[in-house]
Amino acid sequence: MLIRYEGDYQYTIMEARPLDRAVSLAPATLVDLGFTAGALTGDEQQTLTWMNDGVEFRITSANLPLDEMMQIAASMQAQSGK
C-alpha cells in the first residue's frame, strides 16, 4: 500500500509484507518509537523505517519533522493491514 499526503508537509507512507530480501547496511539513526525501534535514513529526503508484526512501514519526506514522523508511526501501530 502506498499513500501520498500533500499539505503543510508532503510525505509518503508505504506498508508492505516483505518476502525474502537482500540486506544492506546504510548509515541510520536508531529511533525509539515506543512500541518498536525504527531507523531514520537520508539527509534532504528522510525515511523512517520500522517493522511491526511482519509488516514493513516507511514514511518518506523532505520536510516532515522527525517528531511528526514518530506521531504518524504511533498512530499506525494498531491499524496495520487495513
Protein backbone atom coordinates (compact mmCIF):
# COMPACT_ATOMS: atom_id res chain seq x y z
CA MET A 1 0.00 0.00 0.00
CA LEU A 2 1.30 3.45 -0.89
CA ILE A 3 -0.31 6.69 0.31
CA ARG A 4 0.87 10.21 -0.54
CA TYR A 5 -0.07 13.25 1.52
CA GLU A 6 0.08 16.89 0.43
CA GLY A 7 -0.39 19.95 2.62
CA ASP A 8 1.88 21.78 5.06
CA TYR A 9 4.12 18.69 4.80
CA GLN A 10 4.44 16.35 1.86
CA TYR A 11 5.15 12.73 2.69
CA THR A 12 4.61 9.18 1.51
CA ILE A 13 3.66 6.19 3.64
CA MET A 14 4.48 2.70 2.40
CA GLU A 15 3.23 -0.51 4.00
CA ALA A 16 4.27 -3.94 2.73
CA ARG A 17 4.68 -7.53 3.84
CA PRO A 18 8.22 -8.19 2.66
CA LEU A 19 9.28 -11.57 1.34
CA ASP A 20 12.89 -12.72 1.32
CA ARG A 21 15.15 -9.81 0.51
CA ALA A 22 18.77 -8.81 0.32
CA VAL A 23 20.01 -6.78 3.25
CA SER A 24 22.42 -3.90 3.05
CA LEU A 25 23.81 -1.64 5.72
CA ALA A 26 23.22 2.09 5.29
CA PRO A 27 24.03 4.83 7.79
CA ALA A 28 20.98 5.29 10.01
CA THR A 29 19.91 6.80 13.30
CA LEU A 30 18.08 4.50 15.70
CA VAL A 31 14.71 5.97 16.74
CA ASP A 32 12.68 4.73 19.74
CA LEU A 33 9.06 4.71 18.60
CA GLY A 34 7.77 3.47 21.95
CA PHE A 35 6.41 0.21 20.53
CA THR A 36 9.44 -0.78 18.40
CA ALA A 37 12.70 0.65 17.09
CA GLY A 38 12.90 2.50 13.80
CA ALA A 39 15.73 3.56 11.52
CA LEU A 40 15.99 7.10 10.16
CA THR A 41 18.00 7.38 6.94
CA GLY A 42 18.71 10.11 4.43
CA ASP A 43 19.66 13.77 4.55
CA GLU A 44 17.49 16.01 2.39
CA GLN A 45 14.93 13.24 1.82
CA GLN A 46 14.49 11.34 5.10
CA THR A 47 12.91 7.93 5.56
CA LEU A 48 11.74 6.41 8.84
CA THR A 49 11.51 2.62 8.55
CA TRP A 50 10.18 0.12 11.12
CA MET A 51 8.68 -3.36 11.31
CA ASN A 52 5.56 -4.39 13.21
CA ASP A 53 4.01 -7.89 13.14
CA GLY A 54 5.89 -8.81 9.95
CA VAL A 55 4.83 -5.63 8.13
CA GLU A 56 7.40 -3.10 6.99
CA PHE A 57 6.45 0.58 7.20
CA ARG A 58 8.22 3.59 5.67
CA ILE A 59 7.49 7.29 5.92
CA THR A 60 9.49 9.36 3.45
CA SER A 61 9.56 13.16 3.28
CA ALA A 62 11.78 16.12 2.53
CA ASN A 63 10.05 18.43 5.03
CA LEU A 64 8.20 16.36 7.69
CA PRO A 65 9.94 16.74 11.08
CA LEU A 66 11.03 13.60 12.93
CA ASP A 67 8.59 14.18 15.82
CA GLU A 68 5.72 14.27 13.30
CA MET A 69 7.01 11.07 11.66
CA MET A 70 7.07 9.43 15.09
CA GLN A 71 3.48 10.51 15.83
CA ILE A 72 2.30 9.12 12.50
CA ALA A 73 4.12 5.85 13.16
CA ALA A 74 2.49 5.53 16.60
CA SER A 75 -0.95 6.22 15.12
CA MET A 76 -0.43 3.45 12.55
CA GLN A 77 0.77 0.87 15.06
CA ALA A 78 -2.70 -0.53 15.81
CA GLN A 79 -4.01 -0.08 12.27
CA SER A 80 -1.57 -2.09 10.14
CA GLY A 81 -3.02 -4.17 7.35
CA LYS A 82 -6.16 -2.06 6.94
